[in-house]
Amino acid sequence: MCSGGTPSTRVKEFYIDGTVPWIKTKEVNNCKVFSAETYITEDAITKSTAKLIPENSVIIVMYGNGDTAGRVAINKIPVATNQA
Protein backbone atom coordinates (compact mmCIF):
# COMPACT_ATOMS: atom_id res chain seq x y z
CA MET A 1 0.00 0.00 0.00
CA CYS A 2 1.27 3.47 -0.77
CA SER A 3 0.14 7.05 -1.04
CA GLY A 4 0.63 9.14 -4.15
CA GLY A 5 2.09 12.59 -4.50
CA THR A 6 1.49 15.81 -6.37
CA PRO A 7 4.27 17.14 -8.60
CA SER A 8 4.78 20.86 -8.07
CA THR A 9 2.66 22.93 -10.43
CA ARG A 10 5.43 25.54 -10.28
CA VAL A 11 7.58 23.19 -12.37
CA LYS A 12 5.74 23.52 -15.68
CA GLU A 13 8.01 20.91 -17.28
CA PHE A 14 6.31 18.27 -15.12
CA TYR A 15 3.05 18.83 -17.02
CA ILE A 16 4.00 19.93 -20.56
CA ASP A 17 3.65 17.03 -23.02
CA GLY A 18 3.16 14.55 -20.18
CA THR A 19 2.44 10.93 -21.04
CA VAL A 20 1.80 9.45 -17.58
CA PRO A 21 -1.87 9.59 -16.51
CA TRP A 22 -2.18 11.42 -13.18
CA ILE A 23 -5.57 10.84 -11.58
CA LYS A 24 -7.22 12.91 -8.90
CA THR A 25 -9.71 11.75 -6.28
CA LYS A 26 -12.67 13.03 -8.30
CA GLU A 27 -11.72 10.57 -11.05
CA VAL A 28 -11.92 7.59 -8.67
CA ASN A 29 -15.61 6.78 -8.65
CA ASN A 30 -16.13 3.06 -8.02
CA CYS A 31 -15.07 2.23 -11.55
CA LYS A 32 -12.21 1.18 -13.79
CA VAL A 33 -9.75 3.87 -14.82
CA PHE A 34 -8.70 3.89 -18.48
CA SER A 35 -7.49 7.51 -18.83
CA ALA A 36 -7.01 10.74 -16.89
CA GLU A 37 -7.81 14.42 -17.22
CA THR A 38 -4.17 15.34 -16.51
CA TYR A 39 -0.91 13.81 -17.70
CA ILE A 40 2.54 14.30 -16.17
CA THR A 41 6.04 13.62 -17.45
CA GLU A 42 8.44 10.84 -16.50
CA ASP A 43 10.55 13.55 -14.83
CA ALA A 44 7.59 14.33 -12.58
CA ILE A 45 7.71 10.72 -11.38
CA THR A 46 11.46 10.66 -10.76
CA LYS A 47 11.88 14.20 -9.40
CA SER A 48 8.82 14.58 -7.15
CA THR A 49 6.73 12.67 -4.64
CA ALA A 50 4.58 11.18 -7.42
CA LYS A 51 4.71 7.40 -7.74
CA LEU A 52 3.79 5.17 -10.66
CA ILE A 53 1.11 2.63 -9.74
CA PRO A 54 1.07 -0.54 -11.86
CA GLU A 55 -2.06 -1.42 -13.81
CA ASN A 56 -4.74 -3.55 -12.14
CA SER A 57 -4.06 -2.05 -8.72
CA VAL A 58 -6.87 -1.20 -6.33
CA ILE A 59 -7.00 2.56 -5.74
CA ILE A 60 -8.75 3.77 -2.58
CA VAL A 61 -9.49 7.43 -1.84
CA MET A 62 -8.28 8.03 1.72
CA TYR A 63 -9.47 11.61 2.28
CA GLY A 64 -12.23 13.86 1.07
CA ASN A 65 -15.45 15.64 1.81
CA GLY A 66 -18.86 14.04 1.56
CA ASP A 67 -18.83 10.71 -0.19
CA THR A 68 -15.34 11.05 -1.72
CA ALA A 69 -13.41 9.15 0.97
CA GLY A 70 -13.69 5.41 0.51
CA ARG A 71 -14.24 5.44 -3.24
CA VAL A 72 -12.38 2.71 -5.07
CA ALA A 73 -11.26 1.99 -8.60
CA ILE A 74 -9.06 -0.41 -10.51
CA ASN A 75 -6.62 1.21 -12.88
CA LYS A 76 -6.46 -0.56 -16.23
CA ILE A 77 -3.34 1.44 -17.17
CA PRO A 78 -0.29 2.49 -15.14
CA VAL A 79 -1.13 5.79 -13.37
CA ALA A 80 0.17 8.24 -10.82
CA THR A 81 -2.16 9.68 -8.18
CA ASN A 82 -2.30 12.56 -5.76
CA GLN A 83 -1.81 11.88 -2.06
CA ALA A 84 -5.48 11.70 -1.17
PDB file of N, CA and C in Angstrom:
ATOM      1  N   MET A   1       0.852  -1.156   0.000  1.00  0.00           N
ATOM      2  CA  MET A   1       0.000   0.000   0.000  1.00  0.00           C
ATOM      3  C   MET A   1       0.904   1.228   0.000  1.00  0.00           C
ATOM      4  N   CYS A   2       0.495   2.234  -0.731  1.00  0.00           N
ATOM      5  CA  CYS A   2       1.265   3.473  -0.767  1.00  0.00           C
ATOM      6  C   CYS A   2       0.333   4.645  -1.015  1.00  0.00           C
ATOM      7  N   SER A   3       0.857   5.815  -0.757  1.00  0.00           N
ATOM      8  CA  SER A   3       0.138   7.049  -1.041  1.00  0.00           C
ATOM      9  C   SER A   3       0.817   7.713  -2.226  1.00  0.00           C
ATOM     10  N   GLY A   4       0.058   8.453  -3.001  1.00  0.00           N
ATOM     11  CA  GLY A   4       0.625   9.136  -4.155  1.00  0.00           C
ATOM     12  C   GLY A   4       1.265  10.449  -3.758  1.00  0.00           C
ATOM     13  N   GLY A   5       1.490  11.288  -4.739  1.00  0.00           N
ATOM     14  CA  GLY A   5       2.088  12.592  -4.498  1.00  0.00           C
ATOM     15  C   GLY A   5       1.765  13.531  -5.641  1.00  0.00           C
ATOM     16  N   THR A   6       1.806  14.808  -5.361  1.00  0.00           N
ATOM     17  CA  THR A   6       1.486  15.812  -6.368  1.00  0.00           C
ATOM     18  C   THR A   6       2.758  16.517  -6.819  1.00  0.00           C
ATOM     19  N   PRO A   7       3.116  16.389  -8.090  1.00  0.00           N
ATOM     20  CA  PRO A   7       4.267  17.141  -8.595  1.00  0.00           C
ATOM     21  C   PRO A   7       3.971  18.640  -8.516  1.00  0.00           C
ATOM     22  N   SER A   8       4.972  19.419  -8.198  1.00  0.00           N
ATOM     23  CA  SER A   8       4.784  20.863  -8.068  1.00  0.00           C
ATOM     24  C   SER A   8       4.252  21.467  -9.363  1.00  0.00           C
ATOM     25  N   THR A   9       3.195  22.238  -9.249  1.00  0.00           N
ATOM     26  CA  THR A   9       2.659  22.929 -10.432  1.00  0.00           C
ATOM     27  C   THR A   9       3.543  24.112 -10.814  1.00  0.00           C
ATOM     28  N   ARG A  10       4.464  24.471  -9.951  1.00  0.00           N
ATOM     29  CA  ARG A  10       5.426  25.536 -10.278  1.00  0.00           C
ATOM     30  C   ARG A  10       6.453  25.073 -11.304  1.00  0.00           C
ATOM     31  N   VAL A  11       6.644  23.758 -11.386  1.00  0.00           N
ATOM     32  CA  VAL A  11       7.576  23.191 -12.367  1.00  0.00           C
ATOM     33  C   VAL A  11       6.751  22.799 -13.589  1.00  0.00           C
ATOM     34  N   LYS A  12       6.602  23.724 -14.498  1.00  0.00           N
ATOM     35  CA  LYS A  12       5.740  23.525 -15.677  1.00  0.00           C
ATOM     36  C   LYS A  12       6.181  22.327 -16.508  1.00  0.00           C
ATOM     37  N   GLU A  13       7.486  22.030 -16.489  1.00  0.00           N
ATOM     38  CA  GLU A  13       8.012  20.913 -17.275  1.00  0.00           C
ATOM     39  C   GLU A  13       7.441  19.571 -16.825  1.00  0.00           C
ATOM     40  N   PHE A  14       6.920  19.505 -15.602  1.00  0.00           N
ATOM     41  CA  PHE A  14       6.311  18.266 -15.123  1.00  0.00           C
ATOM     42  C   PHE A  14       4.984  17.978 -15.823  1.00  0.00           C
ATOM     43  N   TYR A  15       4.390  18.980 -16.434  1.00  0.00           N
ATOM     44  CA  TYR A  15       3.055  18.834 -17.020  1.00  0.00           C
ATOM     45  C   TYR A  15       3.013  19.015 -18.536  1.00  0.00           C
ATOM     46  N   ILE A  16       4.000  19.675 -19.115  1.00  0.00           N
ATOM     47  CA  ILE A  16       3.996  19.931 -20.561  1.00  0.00           C
ATOM     48  C   ILE A  16       4.340  18.646 -21.303  1.00  0.00           C
ATOM     49  N   ASP A  17       3.468  18.240 -22.206  1.00  0.00           N
ATOM     50  CA  ASP A  17       3.649  17.026 -23.017  1.00  0.00           C
ATOM     51  C   ASP A  17       3.787  15.770 -22.166  1.00  0.00           C
ATOM     52  N   GLY A  18       3.102  15.727 -21.035  1.00  0.00           N
ATOM     53  CA  GLY A  18       3.156  14.551 -20.179  1.00  0.00           C
ATOM     54  C   GLY A  18       2.488  13.346 -20.822  1.00  0.00           C
ATOM     55  N   THR A  19       2.992  12.171 -20.502  1.00  0.00           N
ATOM     56  CA  THR A  19       2.442  10.926 -21.044  1.00  0.00           C
ATOM     57  C   THR A  19       1.945   9.975 -19.957  1.00  0.00           C
ATOM     58  N   VAL A  20       2.209  10.307 -18.694  1.00  0.00           N
ATOM     59  CA  VAL A  20       1.803   9.453 -17.577  1.00  0.00           C
ATOM     60  C   VAL A  20       0.470   9.964 -17.028  1.00  0.00           C
ATOM     61  N   PRO A  21      -0.588   9.153 -17.068  1.00  0.00           N
ATOM     62  CA  PRO A  21      -1.870   9.591 -16.513  1.00  0.00           C
ATOM     63  C   PRO A  21      -1.733   9.870 -15.016  1.00  0.00           C
ATOM     64  N   TRP A  22      -2.214  11.035 -14.589  1.00  0.00           N
ATOM     65  CA  TRP A  22      -2.182  11.418 -13.179  1.00  0.00           C
ATOM     66  C   TRP A  22      -3.619  11.664 -12.746  1.00  0.00           C
ATOM     67  N   ILE A  23      -4.154  10.743 -11.941  1.00  0.00           N
ATOM     68  CA  ILE A  23      -5.567  10.844 -11.580  1.00  0.00           C
ATOM     69  C   ILE A  23      -5.746  11.517 -10.226  1.00  0.00           C
ATOM     70  N   LYS A  24      -6.849  12.218 -10.129  1.00  0.00           N
ATOM     71  CA  LYS A  24      -7.223  12.914  -8.898  1.00  0.00           C
ATOM     72  C   LYS A  24      -8.385  12.161  -8.254  1.00  0.00           C
ATOM     73  N   THR A  25      -8.666  12.477  -7.006  1.00  0.00           N
ATOM     74  CA  THR A  25      -9.707  11.753  -6.278  1.00  0.00           C
ATOM     75  C   THR A  25     -11.057  11.816  -6.982  1.00  0.00           C
ATOM     76  N   LYS A  26     -11.369  12.926  -7.628  1.00  0.00           N
ATOM     77  CA  LYS A  26     -12.669  13.031  -8.297  1.00  0.00           C
ATOM     78  C   LYS A  26     -12.802  12.057  -9.463  1.00  0.00           C
ATOM     79  N   GLU A  27     -11.677  11.519  -9.953  1.00  0.00           N
ATOM     80  CA  GLU A  27     -11.719  10.567 -11.055  1.00  0.00           C
ATOM     81  C   GLU A  27     -11.858   9.125 -10.569  1.00  0.00           C
ATOM     82  N   VAL A  28     -11.738   8.917  -9.266  1.00  0.00           N
ATOM     83  CA  VAL A  28     -11.923   7.594  -8.665  1.00  0.00           C
ATOM     84  C   VAL A  28     -13.371   7.530  -8.205  1.00  0.00           C
ATOM     85  N   ASN A  29     -14.174   6.768  -8.913  1.00  0.00           N
ATOM     86  CA  ASN A  29     -15.614   6.780  -8.652  1.00  0.00           C
ATOM     87  C   ASN A  29     -16.197   5.380  -8.787  1.00  0.00           C
ATOM     88  N   ASN A  30     -15.625   4.433  -8.015  1.00  0.00           N
ATOM     89  CA  ASN A  30     -16.129   3.060  -8.019  1.00  0.00           C
ATOM     90  C   ASN A  30     -16.214   2.507  -9.438  1.00  0.00           C
ATOM     91  N   CYS A  31     -15.084   2.597 -10.135  1.00  0.00           N
ATOM     92  CA  CYS A  31     -15.072   2.231 -11.548  1.00  0.00           C
ATOM     93  C   CYS A  31     -13.702   1.690 -11.931  1.00  0.00           C
ATOM     94  N   LYS A  32     -13.510   1.495 -13.222  1.00  0.00           N
ATOM     95  CA  LYS A  32     -12.207   1.175 -13.791  1.00  0.00           C
ATOM     96  C   LYS A  32     -11.668   2.444 -14.431  1.00  0.00           C
ATOM     97  N   VAL A  33     -10.375   2.666 -14.276  1.00  0.00           N
ATOM     98  CA  VAL A  33      -9.745   3.868 -14.817  1.00  0.00           C
ATOM     99  C   VAL A  33      -8.973   3.498 -16.079  1.00  0.00           C
ATOM    100  N   PHE A  34      -9.347   4.132 -17.192  1.00  0.00           N
ATOM    101  CA  PHE A  34      -8.699   3.889 -18.478  1.00  0.00           C
ATOM    102  C   PHE A  34      -7.926   5.099 -18.987  1.00  0.00           C
ATOM    103  N   SER A  35      -8.161   6.280 -18.401  1.00  0.00           N
ATOM    104  CA  SER A  35      -7.489   7.507 -18.830  1.00  0.00           C
ATOM    105  C   SER A  35      -7.571   8.518 -17.692  1.00  0.00           C
ATOM    106  N   ALA A  36      -7.003   9.696 -17.920  1.00  0.00           N
ATOM    107  CA  ALA A  36      -7.010  10.742 -16.893  1.00  0.00           C
ATOM    108  C   ALA A  36      -7.225  12.095 -17.541  1.00  0.00           C
ATOM    109  N   GLU A  37      -7.659  13.049 -16.733  1.00  0.00           N
ATOM    110  CA  GLU A  37      -7.806  14.424 -17.219  1.00  0.00           C
ATOM    111  C   GLU A  37      -6.450  15.098 -17.381  1.00  0.00           C
ATOM    112  N   THR A  38      -5.485  14.718 -16.528  1.00  0.00           N
ATOM    113  CA  THR A  38      -4.169  15.345 -16.513  1.00  0.00           C
ATOM    114  C   THR A  38      -3.093  14.293 -16.741  1.00  0.00           C
ATOM    115  N   TYR A  39      -2.052  14.687 -17.452  1.00  0.00           N
ATOM    116  CA  TYR A  39      -0.909  13.805 -17.697  1.00  0.00           C
ATOM    117  C   TYR A  39       0.358  14.510 -17.234  1.00  0.00           C
ATOM    118  N   ILE A  40       1.270  13.752 -16.633  1.00  0.00           N
ATOM    119  CA  ILE A  40       2.539  14.303 -16.175  1.00  0.00           C
ATOM    120  C   ILE A  40       3.683  13.620 -16.920  1.00  0.00           C
ATOM    121  N   THR A  41       4.872  14.164 -16.768  1.00  0.00           N
ATOM    122  CA  THR A  41       6.037  13.615 -17.454  1.00  0.00           C
ATOM    123  C   THR A  41       6.731  12.557 -16.601  1.00  0.00           C
ATOM    124  N   GLU A  42       7.619  11.810 -17.235  1.00  0.00           N
ATOM    125  CA  GLU A  42       8.443  10.839 -16.504  1.00  0.00           C
ATOM    126  C   GLU A  42       9.302  11.560 -15.463  1.00  0.00           C
ATOM    127  N   ASP A  43       9.774  12.767 -15.797  1.00  0.00           N
ATOM    128  CA  ASP A  43      10.546  13.554 -14.829  1.00  0.00           C
ATOM    129  C   ASP A  43       9.727  13.854 -13.578  1.00  0.00           C
ATOM    130  N   ALA A  44       8.447  14.072 -13.737  1.00  0.00           N
ATOM    131  CA  ALA A  44       7.589  14.331 -12.578  1.00  0.00           C
ATOM    132  C   ALA A  44       7.581  13.131 -11.639  1.00  0.00           C
ATOM    133  N   ILE A  45       7.672  11.941 -12.199  1.00  0.00           N
ATOM    134  CA  ILE A  45       7.713  10.721 -11.379  1.00  0.00           C
ATOM    135  C   ILE A  45       9.048  10.623 -10.642  1.00  0.00           C
ATOM    136  N   THR A  46      10.138  10.861 -11.359  1.00  0.00           N
ATOM    137  CA  THR A  46      11.462  10.660 -10.761  1.00  0.00           C
ATOM    138  C   THR A  46      11.932  11.822  -9.893  1.00  0.00           C
ATOM    139  N   LYS A  47      11.380  13.021 -10.113  1.00  0.00           N
ATOM    140  CA  LYS A  47      11.878  14.201  -9.397  1.00  0.00           C
ATOM    141  C   LYS A  47      10.851  14.828  -8.448  1.00  0.00           C
ATOM    142  N   SER A  48       9.826  14.072  -8.091  1.00  0.00           N
ATOM    143  CA  SER A  48       8.822  14.584  -7.154  1.00  0.00           C
ATOM    144  C   SER A  48       8.322  13.435  -6.285  1.00  0.00           C
ATOM    145  N   THR A  49       7.296  13.708  -5.515  1.00  0.00           N
ATOM    146  CA  THR A  49       6.726  12.673  -4.641  1.00  0.00           C
ATOM    147  C   THR A  49       5.757  11.750  -5.373  1.00  0.00           C
ATOM    148  N   ALA A  50       5.504  12.021  -6.641  1.00  0.00           N
ATOM    149  CA  ALA A  50       4.584  11.177  -7.415  1.00  0.00           C
ATOM    150  C   ALA A  50       5.171   9.774  -7.568  1.00  0.00           C
ATOM    151  N   LYS A  51       4.294   8.791  -7.572  1.00  0.00           N
ATOM    152  CA  LYS A  51       4.709   7.397  -7.740  1.00  0.00           C
ATOM    153  C   LYS A  51       3.881   6.766  -8.851  1.00  0.00           C
ATOM    154  N   LEU A  52       4.502   5.884  -9.613  1.00  0.00           N
ATOM    155  CA  LEU A  52       3.787   5.165 -10.657  1.00  0.00           C
ATOM    156  C   LEU A  52       3.147   3.925 -10.046  1.00  0.00           C
ATOM    157  N   ILE A  53       1.864   3.766 -10.270  1.00  0.00           N
ATOM    158  CA  ILE A  53       1.112   2.631  -9.741  1.00  0.00           C
ATOM    159  C   ILE A  53       0.845   1.671 -10.895  1.00  0.00           C
ATOM    160  N   PRO A  54       1.251   0.407 -10.756  1.00  0.00           N
ATOM    161  CA  PRO A  54       1.066  -0.536 -11.861  1.00  0.00           C
ATOM    162  C   PRO A  54      -0.408  -0.795 -12.165  1.00  0.00           C
ATOM    163  N   GLU A  55      -0.676  -1.156 -13.415  1.00  0.00           N
ATOM    164  CA  GLU A  55      -2.061  -1.421 -13.805  1.00  0.00           C
ATOM    165  C   GLU A  55      -2.645  -2.563 -12.981  1.00  0.00           C
ATOM    166  N   ASN A  56      -3.959  -2.570 -12.897  1.00  0.00           N
ATOM    167  CA  ASN A  56      -4.737  -3.554 -12.140  1.00  0.00           C
ATOM    168  C   ASN A  56      -4.506  -3.473 -10.631  1.00  0.00           C
ATOM    169  N   SER A  57      -4.165  -2.281 -10.160  1.00  0.00           N
ATOM    170  CA  SER A  57      -4.058  -2.046  -8.717  1.00  0.00           C
ATOM    171  C   SER A  57      -5.399  -1.525  -8.210  1.00  0.00           C
ATOM    172  N   VAL A  58      -5.672  -1.753  -6.948  1.00  0.00           N
ATOM    173  CA  VAL A  58      -6.871  -1.199  -6.327  1.00  0.00           C
ATOM    174  C   VAL A  58      -6.502   0.174  -5.770  1.00  0.00           C
ATOM    175  N   ILE A  59      -7.229   1.192  -6.198  1.00  0.00           N
ATOM    176  CA  ILE A  59      -6.999   2.558  -5.739  1.00  0.00           C
ATOM    177  C   ILE A  59      -8.128   2.921  -4.785  1.00  0.00           C
ATOM    178  N   ILE A  60      -7.768   3.396  -3.602  1.00  0.00           N
ATOM    179  CA  ILE A  60      -8.752   3.769  -2.584  1.00  0.00           C
ATOM    180  C   ILE A  60      -8.531   5.230  -2.207  1.00  0.00           C
ATOM    181  N   VAL A  61      -9.585   6.028  -2.264  1.00  0.00           N
ATOM    182  CA  VAL A  61      -9.493   7.427  -1.841  1.00  0.00           C
ATOM    183  C   VAL A  61      -9.483   7.452  -0.316  1.00  0.00           C
ATOM    184  N   MET A  62      -8.426   8.035   0.260  1.00  0.00           N
ATOM    185  CA  MET A  62      -8.278   8.031   1.720  1.00  0.00           C
ATOM    186  C   MET A  62      -8.895   9.247   2.391  1.00  0.00           C
ATOM    187  N   TYR A  63      -8.980  10.362   1.681  1.00  0.00           N
ATOM    188  CA  TYR A  63      -9.469  11.608   2.276  1.00  0.00           C
ATOM    189  C   TYR A  63     -10.495  12.240   1.355  1.00  0.00           C
ATOM    190  N   GLY A  64     -11.291  13.123   1.905  1.00  0.00           N
ATOM    191  CA  GLY A  64     -12.226  13.862   1.073  1.00  0.00           C
ATOM    192  C   GLY A  64     -13.456  14.284   1.842  1.00  0.00           C
ATOM    193  N   ASN A  65     -14.196  15.157   1.235  1.00  0.00           N
ATOM    194  CA  ASN A  65     -15.450  15.640   1.814  1.00  0.00           C
ATOM    195  C   ASN A  65     -16.616  14.831   1.267  1.00  0.00           C
ATOM    196  N   GLY A  66     -17.669  14.742   2.037  1.00  0.00           N
ATOM    197  CA  GLY A  66     -18.860  14.043   1.559  1.00  0.00           C
ATOM    198  C   GLY A  66     -18.590  12.578   1.309  1.00  0.00           C
ATOM    199  N   ASP A  67     -18.957  12.130   0.132  1.00  0.00           N
ATOM    200  CA  ASP A  67     -18.826  10.708  -0.188  1.00  0.00           C
ATOM    201  C   ASP A  67     -17.535  10.378  -0.923  1.00  0.00           C
ATOM    202  N   THR A  68     -16.582  11.295  -0.986  1.00  0.00           N
ATOM    203  CA  THR A  68     -15.337  11.050  -1.721  1.00  0.00           C
ATOM    204  C   THR A  68     -14.480   9.988  -1.046  1.00  0.00           C
ATOM    205  N   ALA A  69     -14.240  10.114   0.251  1.00  0.00           N
ATOM    206  CA  ALA A  69     -13.412   9.149   0.975  1.00  0.00           C
ATOM    207  C   ALA A  69     -14.045   7.765   0.887  1.00  0.00           C
ATOM    208  N   GLY A  70     -13.216   6.782   0.609  1.00  0.00           N
ATOM    209  CA  GLY A  70     -13.694   5.414   0.514  1.00  0.00           C
ATOM    210  C   GLY A  70     -14.010   4.952  -0.897  1.00  0.00           C
ATOM    211  N   ARG A  71     -14.022   5.863  -1.852  1.00  0.00           N
ATOM    212  CA  ARG A  71     -14.244   5.441  -3.236  1.00  0.00           C
ATOM    213  C   ARG A  71     -13.091   4.553  -3.686  1.00  0.00           C
ATOM    214  N   VAL A  72     -13.399   3.629  -4.564  1.00  0.00           N
ATOM    215  CA  VAL A  72     -12.378   2.714  -5.070  1.00  0.00           C
ATOM    216  C   VAL A  72     -12.432   2.656  -6.587  1.00  0.00           C
ATOM    217  N   ALA A  73     -11.330   2.215  -7.161  1.00  0.00           N
ATOM    218  CA  ALA A  73     -11.260   1.991  -8.604  1.00  0.00           C
ATOM    219  C   ALA A  73     -10.131   1.007  -8.868  1.00  0.00           C
ATOM    220  N   ILE A  74     -10.161   0.418 -10.028  1.00  0.00           N
ATOM    221  CA  ILE A  74      -9.060  -0.413 -10.511  1.00  0.00           C
ATOM    222  C   ILE A  74      -8.511   0.282 -11.746  1.00  0.00           C
ATOM    223  N   ASN A  75      -7.218   0.555 -11.721  1.00  0.00           N
ATOM    224  CA  ASN A  75      -6.620   1.209 -12.883  1.00  0.00           C
ATOM    225  C   ASN A  75      -6.249   0.167 -13.932  1.00  0.00           C
ATOM    226  N   LYS A  76      -6.719   0.360 -15.125  1.00  0.00           N
ATOM    227  CA  LYS A  76      -6.456  -0.559 -16.228  1.00  0.00           C
ATOM    228  C   LYS A  76      -5.235  -0.128 -17.037  1.00  0.00           C
ATOM    229  N   ILE A  77      -4.583   0.938 -16.589  1.00  0.00           N
ATOM    230  CA  ILE A  77      -3.342   1.443 -17.170  1.00  0.00           C
ATOM    231  C   ILE A  77      -2.451   1.884 -16.011  1.00  0.00           C
ATOM    232  N   PRO A  78      -1.131   1.933 -16.195  1.00  0.00           N
ATOM    233  CA  PRO A  78      -0.288   2.494 -15.141  1.00  0.00           C
ATOM    234  C   PRO A  78      -0.654   3.962 -14.934  1.00  0.00           C
ATOM    235  N   VAL A  79      -0.756   4.404 -13.683  1.00  0.00           N
ATOM    236  CA  VAL A  79      -1.129   5.786 -13.367  1.00  0.00           C
ATOM    237  C   VAL A  79      -0.296   6.293 -12.195  1.00  0.00           C
ATOM    238  N   ALA A  80      -0.315   7.604 -12.040  1.00  0.00           N
ATOM    239  CA  ALA A  80       0.171   8.244 -10.821  1.00  0.00           C
ATOM    240  C   ALA A  80      -1.045   8.897 -10.181  1.00  0.00           C
ATOM    241  N   THR A  81      -1.015   9.085  -8.870  1.00  0.00           N
ATOM    242  CA  THR A  81      -2.160   9.683  -8.175  1.00  0.00           C
ATOM    243  C   THR A  81      -1.693  10.768  -7.218  1.00  0.00           C
ATOM    244  N   ASN A  82      -2.631  11.609  -6.822  1.00  0.00           N
ATOM    245  CA  ASN A  82      -2.299  12.560  -5.764  1.00  0.00           C
ATOM    246  C   ASN A  82      -2.298  11.827  -4.430  1.00  0.00           C
ATOM    247  N   GLN A  83      -1.986  12.525  -3.354  1.00  0.00           N
ATOM    248  CA  GLN A  83      -1.809  11.877  -2.056  1.00  0.00           C
ATOM    249  C   GLN A  83      -3.097  11.557  -1.322  1.00  0.00           C
ATOM    250  N   ALA A  84      -4.212  11.957  -1.852  1.00  0.00           N
ATOM    251  CA  ALA A  84      -5.479  11.704  -1.169  1.00  0.00           C
ATOM    252  C   ALA A  84      -6.022  10.341  -1.525  1.00  0.00           C
TER     253      ALA A  84
END
